[in-house]
Full PDB file with SEQRES, HELIX, SHEET, SSBOND, CRYST1, ORIGX, SCALE, CONECT and MASTER records, all heavy atoms in Angstrom:
SEQRES   1 A   36  PHE VAL PRO GLU LEU MET LYS LEU TYR PRO ASP ALA LYS          
SEQRES   2 A   36  VAL ILE CYS THR VAL ARG ASP SER ASP LYS TRP ALA GLU          
SEQRES   3 A   36  SER LEU ASP LYS THR ALA SER ASN ALA GLN                      
HELIX    1 AA1 VAL A    2  LEU A    8  1                                   7    
HELIX    2 AA2 SER A   21  ALA A   35  1                                  15    
CRYST1    1.000    1.000    1.000  90.00  90.00  90.00 P 1           1          
ORIGX1      1.000000  0.000000  0.000000        0.00000                         
ORIGX2      0.000000  1.000000  0.000000        0.00000                         
ORIGX3      0.000000  0.000000  1.000000        0.00000                         
SCALE1      1.000000  0.000000  0.000000        0.00000                         
SCALE2      0.000000  1.000000  0.000000        0.00000                         
SCALE3      0.000000  0.000000  1.000000        0.00000                         
ATOM      1  N   PHE A   1     -53.705  82.235  21.316  1.00  0.00           N  
ATOM      2  CA  PHE A   1     -53.829  83.275  20.450  1.00  0.00           C  
ATOM      3  C   PHE A   1     -52.379  83.850  20.094  1.00  0.00           C  
ATOM      4  O   PHE A   1     -52.254  84.924  19.662  1.00  0.00           O  
ATOM      5  CB  PHE A   1     -54.697  84.374  21.060  1.00  0.00           C  
ATOM      6  CG  PHE A   1     -56.133  84.122  20.858  1.00  0.00           C  
ATOM      7  CD1 PHE A   1     -56.809  83.467  21.866  1.00  0.00           C  
ATOM      8  CD2 PHE A   1     -56.843  84.539  19.744  1.00  0.00           C  
ATOM      9  CE1 PHE A   1     -58.179  83.209  21.790  1.00  0.00           C  
ATOM     10  CE2 PHE A   1     -58.166  84.258  19.577  1.00  0.00           C  
ATOM     11  CZ  PHE A   1     -58.842  83.623  20.624  1.00  0.00           C  
ATOM     12  N   VAL A   2     -51.418  82.929  20.174  1.00  0.00           N  
ATOM     13  CA  VAL A   2     -49.911  83.371  19.952  1.00  0.00           C  
ATOM     14  C   VAL A   2     -49.836  83.952  18.468  1.00  0.00           C  
ATOM     15  O   VAL A   2     -49.213  84.975  18.300  1.00  0.00           O  
ATOM     16  CB  VAL A   2     -49.043  82.232  20.179  1.00  0.00           C  
ATOM     17  CG1 VAL A   2     -47.653  82.544  19.642  1.00  0.00           C  
ATOM     18  CG2 VAL A   2     -49.008  81.941  21.629  1.00  0.00           C  
ATOM     19  N   PRO A   3     -50.427  83.321  17.397  1.00  0.00           N  
ATOM     20  CA  PRO A   3     -50.347  83.783  15.989  1.00  0.00           C  
ATOM     21  C   PRO A   3     -50.724  85.264  15.903  1.00  0.00           C  
ATOM     22  O   PRO A   3     -50.095  86.076  15.367  1.00  0.00           O  
ATOM     23  CB  PRO A   3     -51.062  82.881  15.191  1.00  0.00           C  
ATOM     24  CG  PRO A   3     -51.114  81.644  16.008  1.00  0.00           C  
ATOM     25  CD  PRO A   3     -51.225  81.977  17.357  1.00  0.00           C  
ATOM     26  N   GLU A   4     -51.858  85.510  16.469  1.00  0.00           N  
ATOM     27  CA  GLU A   4     -52.524  86.883  16.425  1.00  0.00           C  
ATOM     28  C   GLU A   4     -51.669  87.855  17.233  1.00  0.00           C  
ATOM     29  O   GLU A   4     -51.443  88.970  16.866  1.00  0.00           O  
ATOM     30  CB  GLU A   4     -53.997  86.885  16.990  1.00  0.00           C  
ATOM     31  CG  GLU A   4     -54.988  86.196  15.961  1.00  0.00           C  
ATOM     32  CD  GLU A   4     -55.023  84.735  15.994  1.00  0.00           C  
ATOM     33  OE1 GLU A   4     -54.355  84.176  17.020  1.00  0.00           O  
ATOM     34  OE2 GLU A   4     -55.587  84.024  15.265  1.00  0.00           O  
ATOM     35  N   LEU A   5     -51.236  87.489  18.452  1.00  0.00           N  
ATOM     36  CA  LEU A   5     -50.428  88.359  19.293  1.00  0.00           C  
ATOM     37  C   LEU A   5     -49.069  88.696  18.598  1.00  0.00           C  
ATOM     38  O   LEU A   5     -48.547  89.742  18.673  1.00  0.00           O  
ATOM     39  CB  LEU A   5     -50.173  87.764  20.609  1.00  0.00           C  
ATOM     40  CG  LEU A   5     -51.470  87.648  21.535  1.00  0.00           C  
ATOM     41  CD1 LEU A   5     -51.293  86.698  22.699  1.00  0.00           C  
ATOM     42  CD2 LEU A   5     -51.805  89.057  22.031  1.00  0.00           C  
ATOM     43  N   MET A   6     -48.499  87.785  17.880  1.00  0.00           N  
ATOM     44  CA  MET A   6     -47.346  87.875  17.170  1.00  0.00           C  
ATOM     45  C   MET A   6     -47.493  88.958  16.064  1.00  0.00           C  
ATOM     46  O   MET A   6     -46.590  89.692  15.681  1.00  0.00           O  
ATOM     47  CB  MET A   6     -46.718  86.654  16.576  1.00  0.00           C  
ATOM     48  CG  MET A   6     -46.144  85.719  17.628  1.00  0.00           C  
ATOM     49  SD  MET A   6     -45.643  84.101  17.045  1.00  0.00           S  
ATOM     50  CE  MET A   6     -44.491  84.601  15.797  1.00  0.00           C  
ATOM     51  N   LYS A   7     -48.641  88.865  15.449  1.00  0.00           N  
ATOM     52  CA  LYS A   7     -48.975  89.843  14.334  1.00  0.00           C  
ATOM     53  C   LYS A   7     -49.072  91.346  14.930  1.00  0.00           C  
ATOM     54  O   LYS A   7     -48.539  92.393  14.356  1.00  0.00           O  
ATOM     55  CB  LYS A   7     -50.231  89.583  13.650  1.00  0.00           C  
ATOM     56  CG  LYS A   7     -50.321  88.427  12.699  1.00  0.00           C  
ATOM     57  CD  LYS A   7     -51.624  88.220  11.950  1.00  0.00           C  
ATOM     58  CE  LYS A   7     -51.597  87.169  10.946  1.00  0.00           C  
ATOM     59  NZ  LYS A   7     -52.858  87.018  10.175  1.00  0.00           N  
ATOM     60  N   LEU A   8     -49.613  91.415  16.092  1.00  0.00           N  
ATOM     61  CA  LEU A   8     -49.736  92.720  16.689  1.00  0.00           C  
ATOM     62  C   LEU A   8     -48.433  93.197  17.352  1.00  0.00           C  
ATOM     63  O   LEU A   8     -48.093  94.505  17.306  1.00  0.00           O  
ATOM     64  CB  LEU A   8     -50.785  92.606  17.841  1.00  0.00           C  
ATOM     65  CG  LEU A   8     -52.315  92.426  17.422  1.00  0.00           C  
ATOM     66  CD1 LEU A   8     -53.153  92.085  18.651  1.00  0.00           C  
ATOM     67  CD2 LEU A   8     -52.766  93.678  16.613  1.00  0.00           C  
ATOM     68  N   TYR A   9     -47.581  92.270  17.835  1.00  0.00           N  
ATOM     69  CA  TYR A   9     -46.363  92.598  18.577  1.00  0.00           C  
ATOM     70  C   TYR A   9     -45.277  91.744  18.070  1.00  0.00           C  
ATOM     71  O   TYR A   9     -44.713  90.900  18.702  1.00  0.00           O  
ATOM     72  CB  TYR A   9     -46.523  92.397  20.114  1.00  0.00           C  
ATOM     73  CG  TYR A   9     -47.740  93.136  20.618  1.00  0.00           C  
ATOM     74  CD1 TYR A   9     -48.978  92.466  20.743  1.00  0.00           C  
ATOM     75  CD2 TYR A   9     -47.677  94.567  20.934  1.00  0.00           C  
ATOM     76  CE1 TYR A   9     -50.020  93.098  21.379  1.00  0.00           C  
ATOM     77  CE2 TYR A   9     -48.825  95.154  21.327  1.00  0.00           C  
ATOM     78  CZ  TYR A   9     -50.022  94.436  21.561  1.00  0.00           C  
ATOM     79  OH  TYR A   9     -51.135  95.159  22.115  1.00  0.00           O  
ATOM     80  N   PRO A  10     -44.714  92.093  16.851  1.00  0.00           N  
ATOM     81  CA  PRO A  10     -43.725  91.189  16.194  1.00  0.00           C  
ATOM     82  C   PRO A  10     -42.363  91.222  16.870  1.00  0.00           C  
ATOM     83  O   PRO A  10     -41.572  90.288  16.646  1.00  0.00           O  
ATOM     84  CB  PRO A  10     -43.630  91.808  14.839  1.00  0.00           C  
ATOM     85  CG  PRO A  10     -44.149  93.240  14.901  1.00  0.00           C  
ATOM     86  CD  PRO A  10     -45.158  93.236  15.893  1.00  0.00           C  
ATOM     87  N   ASP A  11     -42.114  92.264  17.673  1.00  0.00           N  
ATOM     88  CA  ASP A  11     -40.871  92.296  18.401  1.00  0.00           C  
ATOM     89  C   ASP A  11     -40.874  91.570  19.773  1.00  0.00           C  
ATOM     90  O   ASP A  11     -39.823  91.562  20.513  1.00  0.00           O  
ATOM     91  CB  ASP A  11     -40.454  93.791  18.612  1.00  0.00           C  
ATOM     92  CG  ASP A  11     -40.107  94.442  17.191  1.00  0.00           C  
ATOM     93  OD1 ASP A  11     -39.743  93.707  16.283  1.00  0.00           O  
ATOM     94  OD2 ASP A  11     -40.300  95.684  17.092  1.00  0.00           O  
ATOM     95  N   ALA A  12     -42.065  91.172  20.162  1.00  0.00           N  
ATOM     96  CA  ALA A  12     -42.238  90.522  21.493  1.00  0.00           C  
ATOM     97  C   ALA A  12     -41.581  89.174  21.541  1.00  0.00           C  
ATOM     98  O   ALA A  12     -41.625  88.437  20.581  1.00  0.00           O  
ATOM     99  CB  ALA A  12     -43.717  90.454  21.878  1.00  0.00           C  
ATOM    100  N   LYS A  13     -41.093  88.750  22.686  1.00  0.00           N  
ATOM    101  CA  LYS A  13     -40.482  87.546  22.949  1.00  0.00           C  
ATOM    102  C   LYS A  13     -41.684  86.552  23.160  1.00  0.00           C  
ATOM    103  O   LYS A  13     -42.649  86.845  23.787  1.00  0.00           O  
ATOM    104  CB  LYS A  13     -39.616  87.397  24.126  1.00  0.00           C  
ATOM    105  CG  LYS A  13     -38.419  88.549  24.272  1.00  0.00           C  
ATOM    106  CD  LYS A  13     -37.409  88.191  23.261  1.00  0.00           C  
ATOM    107  CE  LYS A  13     -36.258  89.238  23.424  1.00  0.00           C  
ATOM    108  NZ  LYS A  13     -35.185  88.974  22.396  1.00  0.00           N  
ATOM    109  N   VAL A  14     -41.528  85.333  22.486  1.00  0.00           N  
ATOM    110  CA  VAL A  14     -42.459  84.241  22.744  1.00  0.00           C  
ATOM    111  C   VAL A  14     -41.809  83.251  23.714  1.00  0.00           C  
ATOM    112  O   VAL A  14     -40.891  82.536  23.395  1.00  0.00           O  
ATOM    113  CB  VAL A  14     -42.943  83.563  21.481  1.00  0.00           C  
ATOM    114  CG1 VAL A  14     -44.026  82.618  21.705  1.00  0.00           C  
ATOM    115  CG2 VAL A  14     -43.427  84.628  20.542  1.00  0.00           C  
ATOM    116  N   ILE A  15     -42.411  83.045  24.990  1.00  0.00           N  
ATOM    117  CA  ILE A  15     -41.830  82.246  25.957  1.00  0.00           C  
ATOM    118  C   ILE A  15     -42.917  81.325  26.417  1.00  0.00           C  
ATOM    119  O   ILE A  15     -44.035  81.703  26.942  1.00  0.00           O  
ATOM    120  CB  ILE A  15     -41.242  82.902  27.132  1.00  0.00           C  
ATOM    121  CG1 ILE A  15     -40.204  84.008  26.715  1.00  0.00           C  
ATOM    122  CG2 ILE A  15     -40.691  82.074  28.225  1.00  0.00           C  
ATOM    123  CD1 ILE A  15     -39.616  84.931  27.741  1.00  0.00           C  
ATOM    124  N   CYS A  16     -42.719  79.926  26.300  1.00  0.00           N  
ATOM    125  CA  CYS A  16     -43.602  78.928  26.701  1.00  0.00           C  
ATOM    126  C   CYS A  16     -43.163  78.246  27.989  1.00  0.00           C  
ATOM    127  O   CYS A  16     -42.102  77.633  28.040  1.00  0.00           O  
ATOM    128  CB  CYS A  16     -43.724  77.866  25.583  1.00  0.00           C  
ATOM    129  SG  CYS A  16     -44.882  76.557  26.070  1.00  0.00           S  
ATOM    130  N   THR A  17     -43.888  78.432  29.082  1.00  0.00           N  
ATOM    131  CA  THR A  17     -43.614  77.791  30.346  1.00  0.00           C  
ATOM    132  C   THR A  17     -43.961  76.241  30.239  1.00  0.00           C  
ATOM    133  O   THR A  17     -45.005  75.882  29.664  1.00  0.00           O  
ATOM    134  CB  THR A  17     -44.447  78.444  31.415  1.00  0.00           C  
ATOM    135  OG1 THR A  17     -45.834  78.668  31.056  1.00  0.00           O  
ATOM    136  CG2 THR A  17     -43.858  79.782  31.888  1.00  0.00           C  
ATOM    137  N   VAL A  18     -43.148  75.431  30.813  1.00  0.00           N  
ATOM    138  CA  VAL A  18     -43.242  73.995  30.789  1.00  0.00           C  
ATOM    139  C   VAL A  18     -43.104  73.292  32.114  1.00  0.00           C  
ATOM    140  O   VAL A  18     -42.547  73.900  32.995  1.00  0.00           O  
ATOM    141  CB  VAL A  18     -42.312  73.368  29.725  1.00  0.00           C  
ATOM    142  CG1 VAL A  18     -42.661  73.876  28.330  1.00  0.00           C  
ATOM    143  CG2 VAL A  18     -40.882  73.694  30.065  1.00  0.00           C  
ATOM    144  N   ARG A  19     -43.617  72.142  32.149  1.00  0.00           N  
ATOM    145  CA  ARG A  19     -43.423  71.279  33.369  1.00  0.00           C  
ATOM    146  C   ARG A  19     -43.640  69.847  33.102  1.00  0.00           C  
ATOM    147  O   ARG A  19     -43.756  69.532  31.830  1.00  0.00           O  
ATOM    148  CB  ARG A  19     -44.353  71.662  34.510  1.00  0.00           C  
ATOM    149  CG  ARG A  19     -45.937  71.478  34.188  1.00  0.00           C  
ATOM    150  CD  ARG A  19     -46.805  71.772  35.206  1.00  0.00           C  
ATOM    151  NE  ARG A  19     -46.739  70.954  36.350  1.00  0.00           N  
ATOM    152  CZ  ARG A  19     -47.666  70.859  37.347  1.00  0.00           C  
ATOM    153  NH1 ARG A  19     -48.741  71.684  37.362  1.00  0.00           N  
ATOM    154  NH2 ARG A  19     -47.550  70.102  38.322  1.00  0.00           N  
ATOM    155  N   ASP A  20     -43.487  68.913  33.938  1.00  0.00           N  
ATOM    156  CA  ASP A  20     -43.653  67.507  33.657  1.00  0.00           C  
ATOM    157  C   ASP A  20     -45.144  67.349  33.072  1.00  0.00           C  
ATOM    158  O   ASP A  20     -46.160  67.696  33.838  1.00  0.00           O  
ATOM    159  CB  ASP A  20     -43.566  66.640  35.002  1.00  0.00           C  
ATOM    160  CG  ASP A  20     -43.752  65.295  34.796  1.00  0.00           C  
ATOM    161  OD1 ASP A  20     -42.846  64.438  34.375  1.00  0.00           O  
ATOM    162  OD2 ASP A  20     -44.869  64.785  34.920  1.00  0.00           O  
ATOM    163  N   SER A  21     -45.239  66.616  32.027  1.00  0.00           N  
ATOM    164  CA  SER A  21     -46.482  66.687  31.293  1.00  0.00           C  
ATOM    165  C   SER A  21     -47.601  65.874  32.022  1.00  0.00           C  
ATOM    166  O   SER A  21     -48.813  66.128  32.051  1.00  0.00           O  
ATOM    167  CB  SER A  21     -46.332  66.036  29.818  1.00  0.00           C  
ATOM    168  OG  SER A  21     -45.764  64.912  29.934  1.00  0.00           O  
ATOM    169  N   ASP A  22     -47.156  64.680  32.630  1.00  0.00           N  
ATOM    170  CA  ASP A  22     -48.050  63.868  33.365  1.00  0.00           C  
ATOM    171  C   ASP A  22     -48.631  64.546  34.628  1.00  0.00           C  
ATOM    172  O   ASP A  22     -49.850  64.524  34.967  1.00  0.00           O  
ATOM    173  CB  ASP A  22     -47.397  62.667  33.864  1.00  0.00           C  
ATOM    174  CG  ASP A  22     -47.198  61.684  32.678  1.00  0.00           C  
ATOM    175  OD1 ASP A  22     -47.860  61.763  31.699  1.00  0.00           O  
ATOM    176  OD2 ASP A  22     -46.167  60.922  32.848  1.00  0.00           O  
ATOM    177  N   LYS A  23     -47.828  65.315  35.385  1.00  0.00           N  
ATOM    178  CA  LYS A  23     -48.203  66.060  36.589  1.00  0.00           C  
ATOM    179  C   LYS A  23     -49.109  67.269  36.119  1.00  0.00           C  
ATOM    180  O   LYS A  23     -50.088  67.547  36.787  1.00  0.00           O  
ATOM    181  CB  LYS A  23     -47.013  66.585  37.288  1.00  0.00           C  
ATOM    182  CG  LYS A  23     -46.208  65.489  38.016  1.00  0.00           C  
ATOM    183  CD  LYS A  23     -45.128  66.069  38.815  1.00  0.00           C  
ATOM    184  CE  LYS A  23     -44.307  64.986  39.551  1.00  0.00           C  
ATOM    185  NZ  LYS A  23     -43.169  65.505  40.318  1.00  0.00           N  
ATOM    186  N   TRP A  24     -48.787  67.821  34.978  1.00  0.00           N  
ATOM    187  CA  TRP A  24     -49.599  68.921  34.413  1.00  0.00           C  
ATOM    188  C   TRP A  24     -50.993  68.342  34.069  1.00  0.00           C  
ATOM    189  O   TRP A  24     -52.075  69.103  34.461  1.00  0.00           O  
ATOM    190  CB  TRP A  24     -48.915  69.467  33.185  1.00  0.00           C  
ATOM    191  CG  TRP A  24     -49.818  70.512  32.499  1.00  0.00           C  
ATOM    192  CD1 TRP A  24     -50.041  71.770  32.667  1.00  0.00           C  
ATOM    193  CD2 TRP A  24     -50.752  70.138  31.324  1.00  0.00           C  
ATOM    194  NE1 TRP A  24     -50.868  72.328  31.902  1.00  0.00           N  
ATOM    195  CE2 TRP A  24     -51.460  71.288  31.068  1.00  0.00           C  
ATOM    196  CE3 TRP A  24     -50.978  68.918  30.577  1.00  0.00           C  
ATOM    197  CZ2 TRP A  24     -52.321  71.407  29.999  1.00  0.00           C  
ATOM    198  CZ3 TRP A  24     -51.929  68.972  29.641  1.00  0.00           C  
ATOM    199  CH2 TRP A  24     -52.547  70.185  29.271  1.00  0.00           C  
ATOM    200  N   ALA A  25     -51.056  67.271  33.492  1.00  0.00           N  
ATOM    201  CA  ALA A  25     -52.371  66.704  33.037  1.00  0.00           C  
ATOM    202  C   ALA A  25     -53.207  66.405  34.412  1.00  0.00           C  
ATOM    203  O   ALA A  25     -54.458  66.792  34.364  1.00  0.00           O  
ATOM    204  CB  ALA A  25     -52.127  65.438  32.305  1.00  0.00           C  
ATOM    205  N   GLU A  26     -52.653  65.861  35.343  1.00  0.00           N  
ATOM    206  CA  GLU A  26     -53.314  65.628  36.564  1.00  0.00           C  
ATOM    207  C   GLU A  26     -53.835  66.999  37.313  1.00  0.00           C  
ATOM    208  O   GLU A  26     -54.980  66.945  37.741  1.00  0.00           O  
ATOM    209  CB  GLU A  26     -52.390  64.944  37.574  1.00  0.00           C  
ATOM    210  CG  GLU A  26     -53.023  64.538  38.972  1.00  0.00           C  
ATOM    211  CD  GLU A  26     -52.068  63.791  39.872  1.00  0.00           C  
ATOM    212  OE1 GLU A  26     -51.098  63.415  39.330  1.00  0.00           O  
ATOM    213  OE2 GLU A  26     -52.447  63.758  41.048  1.00  0.00           O  
ATOM    214  N   SER A  27     -53.062  68.001  37.187  1.00  0.00           N  
ATOM    215  CA  SER A  27     -53.448  69.270  37.811  1.00  0.00           C  
ATOM    216  C   SER A  27     -54.468  69.887  36.953  1.00  0.00           C  
ATOM    217  O   SER A  27     -55.497  70.357  37.656  1.00  0.00           O  
ATOM    218  CB  SER A  27     -52.119  70.135  37.748  1.00  0.00           C  
ATOM    219  OG  SER A  27     -52.502  71.424  38.193  1.00  0.00           O  
ATOM    220  N   LEU A  28     -54.450  69.909  35.684  1.00  0.00           N  
ATOM    221  CA  LEU A  28     -55.435  70.609  34.929  1.00  0.00           C  
ATOM    222  C   LEU A  28     -56.725  69.837  34.922  1.00  0.00           C  
ATOM    223  O   LEU A  28     -57.897  70.493  34.959  1.00  0.00           O  
ATOM    224  CB  LEU A  28     -54.971  70.760  33.495  1.00  0.00           C  
ATOM    225  CG  LEU A  28     -55.856  71.737  32.663  1.00  0.00           C  
ATOM    226  CD1 LEU A  28     -55.839  73.144  33.223  1.00  0.00           C  
ATOM    227  CD2 LEU A  28     -55.336  71.828  31.217  1.00  0.00           C  
ATOM    228  N   ASP A  29     -56.697  68.557  34.948  1.00  0.00           N  
ATOM    229  CA  ASP A  29     -57.916  67.726  35.026  1.00  0.00           C  
ATOM    230  C   ASP A  29     -58.730  68.038  36.327  1.00  0.00           C  
ATOM    231  O   ASP A  29     -59.917  67.997  36.272  1.00  0.00           O  
ATOM    232  CB  ASP A  29     -57.634  66.219  34.809  1.00  0.00           C  
ATOM    233  CG  ASP A  29     -57.603  65.777  33.456  1.00  0.00           C  
ATOM    234  OD1 ASP A  29     -57.899  66.601  32.553  1.00  0.00           O  
ATOM    235  OD2 ASP A  29     -56.806  64.800  33.155  1.00  0.00           O  
ATOM    236  N   LYS A  30     -57.997  68.206  37.361  1.00  0.00           N  
ATOM    237  CA  LYS A  30     -58.575  68.435  38.674  1.00  0.00           C  
ATOM    238  C   LYS A  30     -59.291  69.799  38.602  1.00  0.00           C  
ATOM    239  O   LYS A  30     -60.428  69.999  39.145  1.00  0.00           O  
ATOM    240  CB  LYS A  30     -57.535  68.342  39.796  1.00  0.00           C  
ATOM    241  CG  LYS A  30     -58.100  68.620  41.243  1.00  0.00           C  
ATOM    242  CD  LYS A  30     -57.097  68.482  42.173  1.00  0.00           C  
ATOM    243  CE  LYS A  30     -57.691  68.584  43.626  1.00  0.00           C  
ATOM    244  NZ  LYS A  30     -56.539  68.462  44.715  1.00  0.00           N  
ATOM    245  N   THR A  31     -58.595  70.877  38.009  1.00  0.00           N  
ATOM    246  CA  THR A  31     -59.137  72.207  37.968  1.00  0.00           C  
ATOM    247  C   THR A  31     -60.423  72.154  37.038  1.00  0.00           C  
ATOM    248  O   THR A  31     -61.457  72.697  37.362  1.00  0.00           O  
ATOM    249  CB  THR A  31     -58.141  73.154  37.399  1.00  0.00           C  
ATOM    250  OG1 THR A  31     -57.002  73.200  38.201  1.00  0.00           O  
ATOM    251  CG2 THR A  31     -58.746  74.507  37.228  1.00  0.00           C  
ATOM    252  N   ALA A  32     -60.341  71.458  35.858  1.00  0.00           N  
ATOM    253  CA  ALA A  32     -61.424  71.297  34.982  1.00  0.00           C  
ATOM    254  C   ALA A  32     -62.643  70.657  35.683  1.00  0.00           C  
ATOM    255  O   ALA A  32     -63.806  71.071  35.494  1.00  0.00           O  
ATOM    256  CB  ALA A  32     -61.156  70.513  33.720  1.00  0.00           C  
ATOM    257  N   SER A  33     -62.432  69.726  36.507  1.00  0.00           N  
ATOM    258  CA  SER A  33     -63.526  69.039  37.268  1.00  0.00           C  
ATOM    259  C   SER A  33     -64.155  69.935  38.222  1.00  0.00           C  
ATOM    260  O   SER A  33     -65.526  69.997  38.258  1.00  0.00           O  
ATOM    261  CB  SER A  33     -63.002  67.813  37.996  1.00  0.00           C  
ATOM    262  OG  SER A  33     -62.474  66.823  37.109  1.00  0.00           O  
ATOM    263  N   ASN A  34     -63.360  70.757  38.897  1.00  0.00           N  
ATOM    264  CA  ASN A  34     -63.991  71.774  39.816  1.00  0.00           C  
ATOM    265  C   ASN A  34     -64.846  72.686  39.003  1.00  0.00           C  
ATOM    266  O   ASN A  34     -65.978  73.157  39.463  1.00  0.00           O  
ATOM    267  CB  ASN A  34     -62.917  72.568  40.542  1.00  0.00           C  
ATOM    268  CG  ASN A  34     -62.197  71.636  41.520  1.00  0.00           C  
ATOM    269  OD1 ASN A  34     -62.697  70.719  42.062  1.00  0.00           O  
ATOM    270  ND2 ASN A  34     -61.005  72.025  41.886  1.00  0.00           N  
ATOM    271  N   ALA A  35     -64.489  73.093  37.814  1.00  0.00           N  
ATOM    272  CA  ALA A  35     -65.151  74.225  37.118  1.00  0.00           C  
ATOM    273  C   ALA A  35     -66.418  73.681  36.526  1.00  0.00           C  
ATOM    274  O   ALA A  35     -67.188  74.508  36.094  1.00  0.00           O  
ATOM    275  CB  ALA A  35     -64.176  74.765  35.960  1.00  0.00           C  
ATOM    276  N   GLN A  36     -66.458  72.372  36.397  1.00  0.00           N  
ATOM    277  CA  GLN A  36     -67.740  71.695  35.733  1.00  0.00           C  
ATOM    278  C   GLN A  36     -68.742  71.205  36.625  1.00  0.00           C  
ATOM    279  O   GLN A  36     -69.651  70.401  36.308  1.00  0.00           O  
ATOM    280  CB  GLN A  36     -67.139  70.708  34.774  1.00  0.00           C  
ATOM    281  CG  GLN A  36     -66.477  71.252  33.610  1.00  0.00           C  
ATOM    282  CD  GLN A  36     -65.546  70.246  32.899  1.00  0.00           C  
ATOM    283  OE1 GLN A  36     -65.828  69.128  32.978  1.00  0.00           O  
ATOM    284  NE2 GLN A  36     -64.506  70.760  32.212  1.00  0.00           N  
TER     285      GLN A  36                                                      
MASTER        0    0    0    2    0    0    0    6  284    1    0    3          
END                                                                             
């Protein structure tokens, strides 16, 4: 919802946290499996 949040708070900083994409995919898939 970054576009909408930018409309509401145009002076806010937009910061995207990042990590190794392969390790991220493995981590999120495990979480998604638990939730389902």
